[in-house]
Amino acid sequence: MAKQIKAVSLISGGLDSLLSTKLIIEQGIHVEGINFFTGFCVEGHTHAIRKKDKAKPKRNNALWVAEQLGIKLHIIDVIEEYKDVLLNPKHGYGQNMNPCLDCKGFMVKKALEWIKENDFDFIITGEVIGQRPMSQRKDTMPVIQRESGAGDLLVRPLCAQHLPATLPEREGWLDRDKLLDFSGRTRKPQFALAEEFGFEDYATPAGGCCFLTDKSYSVKLVDLWKHRGNREYELDDIMLLKVGRHIRPNDKYKIIVSREEGENKFLEGYKKQFTHLYISSHPGPLALIEGEISNEELKLAGQIVARYSQGRDADEVEVTAKPLNQDEIVFKVAPMPASDIPQSWYV
């Protein structure tokens, strides 16, 4: 009997990975998916927390894609290994803190290790020439092949006809004529192909789920590193940078103020790890204090948090604060007018 050819597809959860995988399955190849968890792509997280995002799907799109395709998905934790990619990218960053070229090379390299360990034959990605300015240019695609070590075991079905034939094509495992010639930033060909395959519900094609491509998030991450004096981070840091208003009155501490009830509930889970406070005389936000804060500064924090409570127009509000590893304290302050909070304090 002829050997069953097997491929692993990098499944991000976006439309491109859905379509590229489907194209290879259509050629009779056994395909399984692989998704590398770096910590910076936590889908459904903000949608589940924030009221304004309640209508958006609360799902892991990589799992959803695998379900649509009827394939097995392997989710692999690479949080620790990925730190070197983020902190020391050989090819630098994109517009924000996104090391896209190094990131793609890292993931293809990990996929290559996986296929060797699991007796698979080649790797699939959803890349399209010209779609992304850093990692998906014709001159950078060979860089990913070379630096990952994957070489011609890496197949890009959506734009394969613009690229040299890969080993699976030369060996006759794949029919090159059934691979595509997509290029550029337009998504119209992907939308048309999705309709042809009968896919009606899929993740927003542009932008992906990576927090690091977001300017606001990247600014908060750099601020965190600057004031800690090092570039270490943990998963909790990654998640908290996505939640609340981040206000830094000085270099010693930062206030994370929830913006709505959903964020309040989320921050409740961190109360034992941080000094925290809330306005006990009026409904309002929960706030975490990251860093070292004096009692006087705690009163200032209370004034700032009161600005976002329903007591913002009161002459005085009551604040309940719980310093880390200390007893709870209660005090009264006048809410700080919005105009008195310098814009430079907002991270």
C-alpha atoms as a PDB file:
ATOM      1  CA  MET A   1       0.000   0.000   0.000  1.00  0.00           C
ATOM      2  CA  ALA A   2       1.196   3.538  -0.753  1.00  0.00           C
ATOM      3  CA  LYS A   3       2.216   5.557   2.259  1.00  0.00           C
ATOM      4  CA  GLN A   4      -0.373   8.092   3.442  1.00  0.00           C
ATOM      5  CA  ILE A   5       1.258  11.518   3.099  1.00  0.00           C
ATOM      6  CA  LYS A   6       0.720  13.659   6.179  1.00  0.00           C
ATOM      7  CA  ALA A   7       1.066  17.399   6.717  1.00  0.00           C
ATOM      8  CA  VAL A   8       0.783  19.702   9.699  1.00  0.00           C
ATOM      9  CA  SER A   9      -0.808  23.117   9.211  1.00  0.00           C
ATOM     10  CA  LEU A  10      -0.074  26.198  11.314  1.00  0.00           C
ATOM     11  CA  ILE A  11      -3.567  27.166  12.438  1.00  0.00           C
ATOM     12  CA  SER A  12      -3.861  30.744  13.643  1.00  0.00           C
ATOM     13  CA  GLY A  13      -7.635  30.743  13.526  1.00  0.00           C
ATOM     14  CA  GLY A  14      -7.838  33.232  10.667  1.00  0.00           C
ATOM     15  CA  LEU A  15      -9.327  32.846   7.214  1.00  0.00           C
ATOM     16  CA  ASP A  16      -5.989  32.230   5.461  1.00  0.00           C
ATOM     17  CA  SER A  17      -5.061  29.227   7.587  1.00  0.00           C
ATOM     18  CA  LEU A  18      -8.586  27.846   7.162  1.00  0.00           C
ATOM     19  CA  LEU A  19      -8.410  28.087   3.357  1.00  0.00           C
ATOM     20  CA  SER A  20      -4.816  26.905   2.925  1.00  0.00           C
ATOM     21  CA  THR A  21      -5.512  23.822   5.029  1.00  0.00           C
ATOM     22  CA  LYS A  22      -8.717  23.053   3.130  1.00  0.00           C
ATOM     23  CA  LEU A  23      -6.836  23.228  -0.198  1.00  0.00           C
ATOM     24  CA  ILE A  24      -4.385  20.551   0.945  1.00  0.00           C
ATOM     25  CA  ILE A  25      -7.095  18.322   2.444  1.00  0.00           C
ATOM     26  CA  GLU A  26      -8.861  18.498  -0.941  1.00  0.00           C
ATOM     27  CA  GLN A  27      -5.782  16.852  -2.482  1.00  0.00           C
ATOM     28  CA  GLY A  28      -6.162  13.772  -0.295  1.00  0.00           C
ATOM     29  CA  ILE A  29      -3.451  14.642   2.233  1.00  0.00           C
ATOM     30  CA  HIS A  30      -3.947  13.755   5.897  1.00  0.00           C
ATOM     31  CA  VAL A  31      -3.683  17.085   7.720  1.00  0.00           C
ATOM     32  CA  GLU A  32      -3.511  17.906  11.403  1.00  0.00           C
ATOM     33  CA  GLY A  33      -3.315  21.407  12.856  1.00  0.00           C
ATOM     34  CA  ILE A  34      -0.820  22.937  15.227  1.00  0.00           C
ATOM     35  CA  ASN A  35      -1.247  26.123  17.258  1.00  0.00           C
ATOM     36  CA  PHE A  36       1.577  27.594  19.341  1.00  0.00           C
ATOM     37  CA  PHE A  37       0.442  29.380  22.504  1.00  0.00           C
ATOM     38  CA  THR A  38       2.785  32.331  23.132  1.00  0.00           C
ATOM     39  CA  GLY A  39       0.493  34.052  25.643  1.00  0.00           C
ATOM     40  CA  PHE A  40      -0.062  36.999  23.314  1.00  0.00           C
ATOM     41  CA  CYS A  41      -3.025  35.561  21.438  1.00  0.00           C
ATOM     42  CA  VAL A  42      -5.841  34.852  23.886  1.00  0.00           C
ATOM     43  CA  GLU A  43      -8.966  34.898  21.781  1.00  0.00           C
ATOM     44  CA  GLY A  44     -12.376  35.563  23.266  1.00  0.00           C
ATOM     45  CA  HIS A  45     -10.760  37.058  26.382  1.00  0.00           C
ATOM     46  CA  THR A  46     -11.761  40.724  25.910  1.00  0.00           C
ATOM     47  CA  HIS A  47     -14.995  39.723  24.203  1.00  0.00           C
ATOM     48  CA  ALA A  48     -16.010  37.743  27.281  1.00  0.00           C
ATOM     49  CA  ILE A  49     -15.100  40.535  29.712  1.00  0.00           C
ATOM     50  CA  ARG A  50     -16.268  43.780  28.100  1.00  0.00           C
ATOM     51  CA  LYS A  51     -19.942  44.607  27.644  1.00  0.00           C
ATOM     52  CA  LYS A  52     -19.326  46.385  24.325  1.00  0.00           C
ATOM     53  CA  ASP A  53     -17.868  43.153  22.908  1.00  0.00           C
ATOM     54  CA  LYS A  54     -20.583  40.817  24.194  1.00  0.00           C
ATOM     55  CA  ALA A  55     -21.976  40.226  20.700  1.00  0.00           C
ATOM     56  CA  LYS A  56     -18.617  38.999  19.354  1.00  0.00           C
ATOM     57  CA  PRO A  57     -17.924  35.241  19.313  1.00  0.00           C
ATOM     58  CA  LYS A  58     -16.350  33.972  22.518  1.00  0.00           C
ATOM     59  CA  ARG A  59     -14.302  31.196  21.029  1.00  0.00           C
ATOM     60  CA  ASN A  60     -10.798  30.049  20.352  1.00  0.00           C
ATOM     61  CA  ASN A  61     -10.697  30.514  16.588  1.00  0.00           C
ATOM     62  CA  ALA A  62      -7.927  27.947  16.081  1.00  0.00           C
ATOM     63  CA  LEU A  63     -10.124  25.277  17.670  1.00  0.00           C
ATOM     64  CA  TRP A  64     -13.084  26.531  15.662  1.00  0.00           C
ATOM     65  CA  VAL A  65     -11.116  26.254  12.379  1.00  0.00           C
ATOM     66  CA  ALA A  66     -10.045  22.709  13.243  1.00  0.00           C
ATOM     67  CA  GLU A  67     -13.671  21.833  13.935  1.00  0.00           C
ATOM     68  CA  GLN A  68     -14.823  23.274  10.582  1.00  0.00           C
ATOM     69  CA  LEU A  69     -12.158  21.237   8.793  1.00  0.00           C
ATOM     70  CA  GLY A  70     -12.687  18.072  10.827  1.00  0.00           C
ATOM     71  CA  ILE A  71      -9.021  17.807  11.804  1.00  0.00           C
ATOM     72  CA  LYS A  72      -7.135  17.263  15.025  1.00  0.00           C
ATOM     73  CA  LEU A  73      -5.522  20.369  16.558  1.00  0.00           C
ATOM     74  CA  HIS A  74      -2.388  20.254  18.713  1.00  0.00           C
ATOM     75  CA  ILE A  75      -2.051  23.282  21.011  1.00  0.00           C
ATOM     76  CA  ILE A  76       1.516  23.644  22.258  1.00  0.00           C
ATOM     77  CA  ASP A  77       2.631  25.979  25.056  1.00  0.00           C
ATOM     78  CA  VAL A  78       5.734  27.915  23.976  1.00  0.00           C
ATOM     79  CA  ILE A  79       5.447  30.857  26.417  1.00  0.00           C
ATOM     80  CA  GLU A  80       8.959  30.458  27.836  1.00  0.00           C
ATOM     81  CA  GLU A  81      10.670  29.740  24.519  1.00  0.00           C
ATOM     82  CA  TYR A  82       8.889  32.651  22.881  1.00  0.00           C
ATOM     83  CA  LYS A  83      10.358  35.176  25.309  1.00  0.00           C
ATOM     84  CA  ASP A  84      13.659  35.202  23.433  1.00  0.00           C
ATOM     85  CA  VAL A  85      11.811  35.831  20.154  1.00  0.00           C
ATOM     86  CA  LEU A  86      10.054  38.866  21.631  1.00  0.00           C
ATOM     87  CA  LEU A  87      13.018  40.254  23.556  1.00  0.00           C
ATOM     88  CA  ASN A  88      15.771  39.651  21.000  1.00  0.00           C
ATOM     89  CA  PRO A  89      14.295  39.618  17.483  1.00  0.00           C
ATOM     90  CA  LYS A  90      17.053  39.271  14.902  1.00  0.00           C
ATOM     91  CA  HIS A  91      14.919  41.066  12.319  1.00  0.00           C
ATOM     92  CA  GLY A  92      13.486  43.701  14.659  1.00  0.00           C
ATOM     93  CA  TYR A  93       9.910  44.760  15.268  1.00  0.00           C
ATOM     94  CA  GLY A  94       7.040  45.843  13.068  1.00  0.00           C
ATOM     95  CA  GLN A  95       5.100  49.050  13.695  1.00  0.00           C
ATOM     96  CA  ASN A  96       4.643  48.093  17.334  1.00  0.00           C
ATOM     97  CA  MET A  97       6.217  45.367  19.495  1.00  0.00           C
ATOM     98  CA  ASN A  98       5.462  42.647  16.952  1.00  0.00           C
ATOM     99  CA  PRO A  99       8.550  40.632  15.882  1.00  0.00           C
ATOM    100  CA  CYS A 100       6.617  39.159  12.949  1.00  0.00           C
ATOM    101  CA  LEU A 101       9.457  37.766  10.843  1.00  0.00           C
ATOM    102  CA  ASP A 102      11.217  36.164  13.802  1.00  0.00           C
ATOM    103  CA  CYS A 103       7.870  34.925  15.112  1.00  0.00           C
ATOM    104  CA  LYS A 104       6.951  33.170  11.861  1.00  0.00           C
ATOM    105  CA  GLY A 105      10.410  31.631  11.608  1.00  0.00           C
ATOM    106  CA  PHE A 106      10.161  30.411  15.198  1.00  0.00           C
ATOM    107  CA  MET A 107       6.782  28.781  14.620  1.00  0.00           C
ATOM    108  CA  VAL A 108       7.850  27.082  11.399  1.00  0.00           C
ATOM    109  CA  LYS A 109      10.983  25.807  13.172  1.00  0.00           C
ATOM    110  CA  LYS A 110       8.830  24.371  15.979  1.00  0.00           C
ATOM    111  CA  ALA A 111       6.535  22.801  13.386  1.00  0.00           C
ATOM    112  CA  LEU A 112       9.580  21.227  11.695  1.00  0.00           C
ATOM    113  CA  GLU A 113      10.628  19.685  15.018  1.00  0.00           C
ATOM    114  CA  TRP A 114       7.074  18.398  15.431  1.00  0.00           C
ATOM    115  CA  ILE A 115       6.846  16.713  12.016  1.00  0.00           C
ATOM    116  CA  LYS A 116      10.185  14.974  12.592  1.00  0.00           C
ATOM    117  CA  GLU A 117       9.006  13.684  15.963  1.00  0.00           C
ATOM    118  CA  ASN A 118       5.607  12.577  14.629  1.00  0.00           C
ATOM    119  CA  ASP A 119       6.547  11.161  11.208  1.00  0.00           C
ATOM    120  CA  PHE A 120       4.738  13.815   9.164  1.00  0.00           C
ATOM    121  CA  ASP A 121       5.960  14.909   5.756  1.00  0.00           C
ATOM    122  CA  PHE A 122       5.572  18.660   5.325  1.00  0.00           C
ATOM    123  CA  ILE A 123       4.297  21.949   6.767  1.00  0.00           C
ATOM    124  CA  ILE A 124       1.473  24.236   5.591  1.00  0.00           C
ATOM    125  CA  THR A 125       1.061  27.952   6.328  1.00  0.00           C
ATOM    126  CA  GLY A 126      -1.543  30.461   5.176  1.00  0.00           C
ATOM    127  CA  GLU A 127       0.955  33.105   4.067  1.00  0.00           C
ATOM    128  CA  VAL A 128       0.221  35.277   1.028  1.00  0.00           C
ATOM    129  CA  ILE A 129       2.903  37.297  -0.747  1.00  0.00           C
ATOM    130  CA  GLY A 130       2.495  41.017  -0.135  1.00  0.00           C
ATOM    131  CA  GLN A 131      -0.189  40.646   2.497  1.00  0.00           C
ATOM    132  CA  ARG A 132       1.854  41.710   5.509  1.00  0.00           C
ATOM    133  CA  PRO A 133       4.644  44.273   5.280  1.00  0.00           C
ATOM    134  CA  MET A 134       7.185  42.473   7.452  1.00  0.00           C
ATOM    135  CA  SER A 135       6.884  38.705   7.232  1.00  0.00           C
ATOM    136  CA  GLN A 136       4.993  38.138   3.967  1.00  0.00           C
ATOM    137  CA  ARG A 137       7.131  39.774   1.314  1.00  0.00           C
ATOM    138  CA  LYS A 138       8.676  37.824  -1.547  1.00  0.00           C
ATOM    139  CA  ASP A 139      12.163  38.622  -0.214  1.00  0.00           C
ATOM    140  CA  THR A 140      11.372  37.550   3.376  1.00  0.00           C
ATOM    141  CA  MET A 141       9.617  34.268   2.592  1.00  0.00           C
ATOM    142  CA  PRO A 142      12.928  32.527   1.753  1.00  0.00           C
ATOM    143  CA  VAL A 143      14.326  33.898   5.031  1.00  0.00           C
ATOM    144  CA  ILE A 144      11.639  32.006   6.966  1.00  0.00           C
ATOM    145  CA  GLN A 145      12.407  28.809   5.037  1.00  0.00           C
ATOM    146  CA  ARG A 146      16.145  29.153   5.571  1.00  0.00           C
ATOM    147  CA  GLU A 147      16.253  30.237   9.209  1.00  0.00           C
ATOM    148  CA  SER A 148      13.597  27.761  10.341  1.00  0.00           C
ATOM    149  CA  GLY A 149      15.408  24.922   8.595  1.00  0.00           C
ATOM    150  CA  ALA A 150      12.179  23.865   6.869  1.00  0.00           C
ATOM    151  CA  GLY A 151      13.440  24.622   3.360  1.00  0.00           C
ATOM    152  CA  ASP A 152      11.219  23.125   0.681  1.00  0.00           C
ATOM    153  CA  LEU A 153       9.121  21.207   3.206  1.00  0.00           C
ATOM    154  CA  LEU A 154       7.209  24.461   3.728  1.00  0.00           C
ATOM    155  CA  VAL A 155       4.158  24.839   1.466  1.00  0.00           C
ATOM    156  CA  ARG A 156       2.162  28.072   1.120  1.00  0.00           C
ATOM    157  CA  PRO A 157      -0.930  26.900  -0.796  1.00  0.00           C
ATOM    158  CA  LEU A 158      -2.526  30.327  -1.274  1.00  0.00           C
ATOM    159  CA  CYS A 159       0.444  31.826  -3.137  1.00  0.00           C
ATOM    160  CA  ALA A 160       2.414  28.721  -4.179  1.00  0.00           C
ATOM    161  CA  GLN A 161       2.352  29.545  -7.889  1.00  0.00           C
ATOM    162  CA  HIS A 162       4.416  32.666  -7.227  1.00  0.00           C
ATOM    163  CA  LEU A 163       7.089  30.596  -5.471  1.00  0.00           C
ATOM    164  CA  PRO A 164       9.517  27.822  -6.472  1.00  0.00           C
ATOM    165  CA  ALA A 165       8.089  24.300  -6.403  1.00  0.00           C
ATOM    166  CA  THR A 166       8.424  22.588  -3.039  1.00  0.00           C
ATOM    167  CA  LEU A 167       9.386  18.975  -2.357  1.00  0.00           C
ATOM    168  CA  PRO A 168       5.727  17.831  -1.979  1.00  0.00           C
ATOM    169  CA  GLU A 169       5.038  19.252  -5.455  1.00  0.00           C
ATOM    170  CA  ARG A 170       8.128  17.715  -7.044  1.00  0.00           C
ATOM    171  CA  GLU A 171       7.376  14.334  -5.470  1.00  0.00           C
ATOM    172  CA  GLY A 172       3.843  14.394  -6.850  1.00  0.00           C
ATOM    173  CA  TRP A 173       2.182  14.478  -3.427  1.00  0.00           C
ATOM    174  CA  LEU A 174       0.563  17.781  -4.427  1.00  0.00           C
ATOM    175  CA  ASP A 175      -0.751  18.964  -7.770  1.00  0.00           C
ATOM    176  CA  ARG A 176       0.794  22.415  -8.248  1.00  0.00           C
ATOM    177  CA  ASP A 177      -1.998  23.385 -10.647  1.00  0.00           C
ATOM    178  CA  LYS A 178      -4.472  23.117  -7.762  1.00  0.00           C
ATOM    179  CA  LEU A 179      -2.464  25.532  -5.611  1.00  0.00           C
ATOM    180  CA  LEU A 180      -3.141  29.245  -5.931  1.00  0.00           C
ATOM    181  CA  ASP A 181      -1.546  32.522  -6.982  1.00  0.00           C
ATOM    182  CA  PHE A 182      -2.957  35.004  -4.435  1.00  0.00           C
ATOM    183  CA  SER A 183      -0.893  38.120  -3.745  1.00  0.00           C
ATOM    184  CA  GLY A 184      -1.214  41.591  -2.281  1.00  0.00           C
ATOM    185  CA  ARG A 185      -3.304  43.024   0.513  1.00  0.00           C
ATOM    186  CA  THR A 186      -6.753  42.546  -1.028  1.00  0.00           C
ATOM    187  CA  ARG A 187      -8.854  39.851   0.621  1.00  0.00           C
ATOM    188  CA  LYS A 188     -11.410  39.514  -2.159  1.00  0.00           C
ATOM    189  CA  PRO A 189      -9.938  36.229  -3.507  1.00  0.00           C
ATOM    190  CA  GLN A 190     -10.053  34.735   0.000  1.00  0.00           C
ATOM    191  CA  PHE A 191     -13.668  35.797   0.455  1.00  0.00           C
ATOM    192  CA  ALA A 192     -14.601  34.257  -2.898  1.00  0.00           C
ATOM    193  CA  LEU A 193     -12.794  31.004  -2.065  1.00  0.00           C
ATOM    194  CA  ALA A 194     -14.453  30.845   1.347  1.00  0.00           C
ATOM    195  CA  GLU A 195     -17.837  31.153  -0.354  1.00  0.00           C
ATOM    196  CA  GLU A 196     -16.872  28.441  -2.826  1.00  0.00           C
ATOM    197  CA  PHE A 197     -15.970  26.087   0.033  1.00  0.00           C
ATOM    198  CA  GLY A 198     -19.136  27.019   1.944  1.00  0.00           C
ATOM    199  CA  PHE A 199     -17.429  28.814   4.843  1.00  0.00           C
ATOM    200  CA  GLU A 200     -19.726  31.617   5.986  1.00  0.00           C
ATOM    201  CA  ASP A 201     -18.548  32.383   9.516  1.00  0.00           C
ATOM    202  CA  TYR A 202     -14.857  33.023  10.063  1.00  0.00           C
ATOM    203  CA  ALA A 203     -12.560  35.288  12.052  1.00  0.00           C
ATOM    204  CA  THR A 204     -11.827  38.811  10.818  1.00  0.00           C
ATOM    205  CA  PRO A 205      -9.105  38.189   8.242  1.00  0.00           C
ATOM    206  CA  ALA A 206      -6.881  41.216   8.927  1.00  0.00           C
ATOM    207  CA  GLY A 207      -4.863  41.916  12.065  1.00  0.00           C
ATOM    208  CA  GLY A 208      -4.907  38.484  13.628  1.00  0.00           C
ATOM    209  CA  CYS A 209      -5.242  37.982  17.371  1.00  0.00           C
ATOM    210  CA  CYS A 210      -1.746  38.994  18.457  1.00  0.00           C
ATOM    211  CA  PHE A 211      -1.757  41.667  21.170  1.00  0.00           C
ATOM    212  CA  LEU A 212       1.712  42.785  20.077  1.00  0.00           C
ATOM    213  CA  THR A 213       0.373  44.300  16.834  1.00  0.00           C
ATOM    214  CA  ASP A 214      -1.768  46.693  18.878  1.00  0.00           C
ATOM    215  CA  LYS A 215      -0.187  50.123  19.498  1.00  0.00           C
ATOM    216  CA  SER A 216      -1.895  50.764  22.844  1.00  0.00           C
ATOM    217  CA  TYR A 217      -0.908  47.338  24.138  1.00  0.00           C
ATOM    218  CA  SER A 218       2.693  47.738  22.983  1.00  0.00           C
ATOM    219  CA  VAL A 219       2.985  51.095  24.766  1.00  0.00           C
ATOM    220  CA  LYS A 220       1.774  49.497  28.004  1.00  0.00           C
ATOM    221  CA  LEU A 221       4.242  46.618  27.623  1.00  0.00           C
ATOM    222  CA  VAL A 222       7.208  48.969  27.111  1.00  0.00           C
ATOM    223  CA  ASP A 223       6.050  51.047  30.085  1.00  0.00           C
ATOM    224  CA  LEU A 224       5.893  47.910  32.238  1.00  0.00           C
ATOM    225  CA  TRP A 225       9.458  46.941  31.345  1.00  0.00           C
ATOM    226  CA  LYS A 226      10.775  50.475  31.825  1.00  0.00           C
ATOM    227  CA  HIS A 227       9.427  50.834  35.344  1.00  0.00           C
ATOM    228  CA  ARG A 228      10.361  47.335  36.449  1.00  0.00           C
ATOM    229  CA  GLY A 229      13.909  47.870  35.272  1.00  0.00           C
ATOM    230  CA  ASN A 230      13.909  44.581  33.353  1.00  0.00           C
ATOM    231  CA  ARG A 231      12.044  42.916  30.517  1.00  0.00           C
ATOM    232  CA  GLU A 232      10.723  39.909  32.370  1.00  0.00           C
ATOM    233  CA  TYR A 233       7.035  39.072  32.112  1.00  0.00           C
ATOM    234  CA  GLU A 234       4.570  36.346  33.034  1.00  0.00           C
ATOM    235  CA  LEU A 235       1.175  35.362  31.661  1.00  0.00           C
ATOM    236  CA  ASP A 236      -0.609  37.474  34.306  1.00  0.00           C
ATOM    237  CA  ASP A 237       1.282  40.542  33.067  1.00  0.00           C
ATOM    238  CA  ILE A 238       0.180  39.806  29.503  1.00  0.00           C
ATOM    239  CA  MET A 239      -3.463  39.554  30.519  1.00  0.00           C
ATOM    240  CA  LEU A 240      -3.562  42.598  32.802  1.00  0.00           C
ATOM    241  CA  LEU A 241      -2.158  44.846  30.083  1.00  0.00           C
ATOM    242  CA  LYS A 242      -5.357  44.132  28.120  1.00  0.00           C
ATOM    243  CA  VAL A 243      -7.710  45.214  30.906  1.00  0.00           C
ATOM    244  CA  GLY A 244      -8.691  48.581  32.378  1.00  0.00           C
ATOM    245  CA  ARG A 245      -7.293  52.113  32.302  1.00  0.00           C
ATOM    246  CA  HIS A 246      -3.601  52.211  33.167  1.00  0.00           C
ATOM    247  CA  ILE A 247      -2.649  55.392  35.024  1.00  0.00           C
ATOM    248  CA  ARG A 248       0.886  56.105  36.269  1.00  0.00           C
ATOM    249  CA  PRO A 249       1.110  59.176  38.569  1.00  0.00           C
ATOM    250  CA  ASN A 250       4.835  58.555  39.106  1.00  0.00           C
ATOM    251  CA  ASP A 251       7.603  56.048  38.415  1.00  0.00           C
ATOM    252  CA  LYS A 252       6.936  54.017  41.566  1.00  0.00           C
ATOM    253  CA  TYR A 253       3.428  52.739  40.920  1.00  0.00           C
ATOM    254  CA  LYS A 254       0.634  52.328  38.399  1.00  0.00           C
ATOM    255  CA  ILE A 255      -3.132  52.187  38.939  1.00  0.00           C
ATOM    256  CA  ILE A 256      -5.210  49.752  36.866  1.00  0.00           C
ATOM    257  CA  VAL A 257      -8.828  50.966  36.975  1.00  0.00           C
ATOM    258  CA  SER A 258     -11.585  48.744  35.624  1.00  0.00           C
ATOM    259  CA  ARG A 259     -13.836  50.293  32.974  1.00  0.00           C
ATOM    260  CA  GLU A 260     -17.008  48.290  33.571  1.00  0.00           C
ATOM    261  CA  GLU A 261     -18.584  45.471  35.553  1.00  0.00           C
ATOM    262  CA  GLY A 262     -16.999  42.698  33.488  1.00  0.00           C
ATOM    263  CA  GLU A 263     -13.512  44.081  34.112  1.00  0.00           C
ATOM    264  CA  ASN A 264     -14.353  44.512  37.791  1.00  0.00           C
ATOM    265  CA  LYS A 265     -15.102  40.808  38.005  1.00  0.00           C
ATOM    266  CA  PHE A 266     -11.926  39.923  36.124  1.00  0.00           C
ATOM    267  CA  LEU A 267      -9.720  42.057  38.391  1.00  0.00           C
ATOM    268  CA  GLU A 268     -11.324  40.458  41.464  1.00  0.00           C
ATOM    269  CA  GLY A 269      -9.198  37.420  40.685  1.00  0.00           C
ATOM    270  CA  TYR A 270      -6.016  39.444  41.247  1.00  0.00           C
ATOM    271  CA  LYS A 271      -6.917  41.085  44.585  1.00  0.00           C
ATOM    272  CA  LYS A 272      -4.648  38.792  46.599  1.00  0.00           C
ATOM    273  CA  GLN A 273      -1.652  39.670  44.414  1.00  0.00           C
ATOM    274  CA  PHE A 274      -1.958  43.475  44.517  1.00  0.00           C
ATOM    275  CA  THR A 275      -2.780  46.393  46.754  1.00  0.00           C
ATOM    276  CA  HIS A 276      -6.310  47.260  45.682  1.00  0.00           C
ATOM    277  CA  LEU A 277      -9.026  49.771  46.422  1.00  0.00           C
ATOM    278  CA  TYR A 278     -12.609  50.676  45.592  1.00  0.00           C
ATOM    279  CA  ILE A 279     -15.092  53.433  46.403  1.00  0.00           C
ATOM    280  CA  SER A 280     -17.190  51.948  49.206  1.00  0.00           C
ATOM    281  CA  SER A 281     -19.699  54.813  49.409  1.00  0.00           C
ATOM    282  CA  HIS A 282     -20.727  54.657  45.754  1.00  0.00           C
ATOM    283  CA  PRO A 283     -20.843  52.088  42.954  1.00  0.00           C
ATOM    284  CA  GLY A 284     -17.683  52.171  40.875  1.00  0.00           C
ATOM    285  CA  PRO A 285     -14.551  50.451  39.687  1.00  0.00           C
ATOM    286  CA  LEU A 286     -12.088  48.170  41.381  1.00  0.00           C
ATOM    287  CA  ALA A 287      -8.479  49.333  41.055  1.00  0.00           C
ATOM    288  CA  LEU A 288      -5.240  47.399  41.409  1.00  0.00           C
ATOM    289  CA  ILE A 289      -2.001  49.120  42.397  1.00  0.00           C
ATOM    290  CA  GLU A 290       1.134  47.746  40.779  1.00  0.00           C
ATOM    291  CA  GLY A 291       4.339  48.877  42.495  1.00  0.00           C
ATOM    292  CA  GLU A 292       5.181  50.568  45.780  1.00  0.00           C
ATOM    293  CA  ILE A 293       2.753  53.153  47.123  1.00  0.00           C
ATOM    294  CA  SER A 294       2.760  55.263  50.301  1.00  0.00           C
ATOM    295  CA  ASN A 295      -0.340  56.088  52.351  1.00  0.00           C
ATOM    296  CA  GLU A 296      -0.393  59.620  50.914  1.00  0.00           C
ATOM    297  CA  GLU A 297      -0.133  58.266  47.389  1.00  0.00           C
ATOM    298  CA  LEU A 298      -2.914  55.805  48.222  1.00  0.00           C
ATOM    299  CA  LYS A 299      -5.169  58.797  48.928  1.00  0.00           C
ATOM    300  CA  LEU A 300      -4.254  60.274  45.537  1.00  0.00           C
ATOM    301  CA  ALA A 301      -5.090  56.920  43.945  1.00  0.00           C
ATOM    302  CA  GLY A 302      -8.423  57.008  45.751  1.00  0.00           C
ATOM    303  CA  GLN A 303      -9.158  60.462  44.324  1.00  0.00           C
ATOM    304  CA  ILE A 304      -8.368  59.241  40.818  1.00  0.00           C
ATOM    305  CA  VAL A 305     -10.491  56.094  41.139  1.00  0.00           C
ATOM    306  CA  ALA A 306     -13.360  58.167  42.607  1.00  0.00           C
ATOM    307  CA  ARG A 307     -13.369  60.151  39.364  1.00  0.00           C
ATOM    308  CA  TYR A 308     -14.570  56.982  37.611  1.00  0.00           C
ATOM    309  CA  SER A 309     -17.200  56.087  40.240  1.00  0.00           C
ATOM    310  CA  GLN A 310     -20.797  57.250  40.575  1.00  0.00           C
ATOM    311  CA  GLY A 311     -19.536  59.533  43.335  1.00  0.00           C
ATOM    312  CA  ARG A 312     -17.522  61.640  40.873  1.00  0.00           C
ATOM    313  CA  ASP A 313     -19.700  64.729  41.570  1.00  0.00           C
ATOM    314  CA  ALA A 314     -19.852  64.291  45.357  1.00  0.00           C
ATOM    315  CA  ASP A 315     -17.892  66.573  47.687  1.00  0.00           C
ATOM    316  CA  GLU A 316     -16.397  63.500  49.361  1.00  0.00           C
ATOM    317  CA  VAL A 317     -16.407  59.734  48.952  1.00  0.00           C
ATOM    318  CA  GLU A 318     -15.353  56.840  51.155  1.00  0.00           C
ATOM    319  CA  VAL A 319     -12.505  54.660  49.920  1.00  0.00           C
ATOM    320  CA  THR A 320     -11.710  51.149  51.118  1.00  0.00           C
ATOM    321  CA  ALA A 321      -8.146  50.072  50.427  1.00  0.00           C
ATOM    322  CA  LYS A 322      -6.330  46.823  51.144  1.00  0.00           C
ATOM    323  CA  PRO A 323      -2.542  47.259  50.984  1.00  0.00           C
ATOM    324  CA  LEU A 324      -0.722  44.050  50.150  1.00  0.00           C
ATOM    325  CA  ASN A 325      -0.035  41.997  53.298  1.00  0.00           C
ATOM    326  CA  GLN A 326      -1.650  44.662  55.516  1.00  0.00           C
ATOM    327  CA  ASP A 327      -5.045  45.245  57.109  1.00  0.00           C
ATOM    328  CA  GLU A 328      -7.825  46.990  55.233  1.00  0.00           C
ATOM    329  CA  ILE A 329      -8.040  50.776  55.698  1.00  0.00           C
ATOM    330  CA  VAL A 330     -10.914  53.201  55.095  1.00  0.00           C
ATOM    331  CA  PHE A 331     -10.550  56.921  54.366  1.00  0.00           C
ATOM    332  CA  LYS A 332     -12.382  59.794  52.714  1.00  0.00           C
ATOM    333  CA  VAL A 333     -11.260  61.904  49.775  1.00  0.00           C
ATOM    334  CA  ALA A 334     -12.636  64.425  47.305  1.00  0.00           C
ATOM    335  CA  PRO A 335     -12.901  62.984  43.766  1.00  0.00           C
ATOM    336  CA  MET A 336     -10.305  64.425  41.411  1.00  0.00           C
ATOM    337  CA  PRO A 337     -11.807  66.338  38.470  1.00  0.00           C
ATOM    338  CA  ALA A 338     -10.977  64.801  35.112  1.00  0.00           C
ATOM    339  CA  SER A 339      -9.228  68.018  34.083  1.00  0.00           C
ATOM    340  CA  ASP A 340      -6.788  67.621  36.993  1.00  0.00           C
ATOM    341  CA  ILE A 341      -5.541  64.217  35.823  1.00  0.00           C
ATOM    342  CA  PRO A 342      -2.661  64.953  33.420  1.00  0.00           C
ATOM    343  CA  GLN A 343      -2.923  63.182  30.096  1.00  0.00           C
ATOM    344  CA  SER A 344       0.705  62.124  30.542  1.00  0.00           C
ATOM    345  CA  TRP A 345      -0.344  59.854  33.419  1.00  0.00           C
ATOM    346  CA  TYR A 346      -2.374  57.633  31.104  1.00  0.00           C
ATOM    347  CA  VAL A 347      -0.255  54.799  29.749  1.00  0.00           C
END
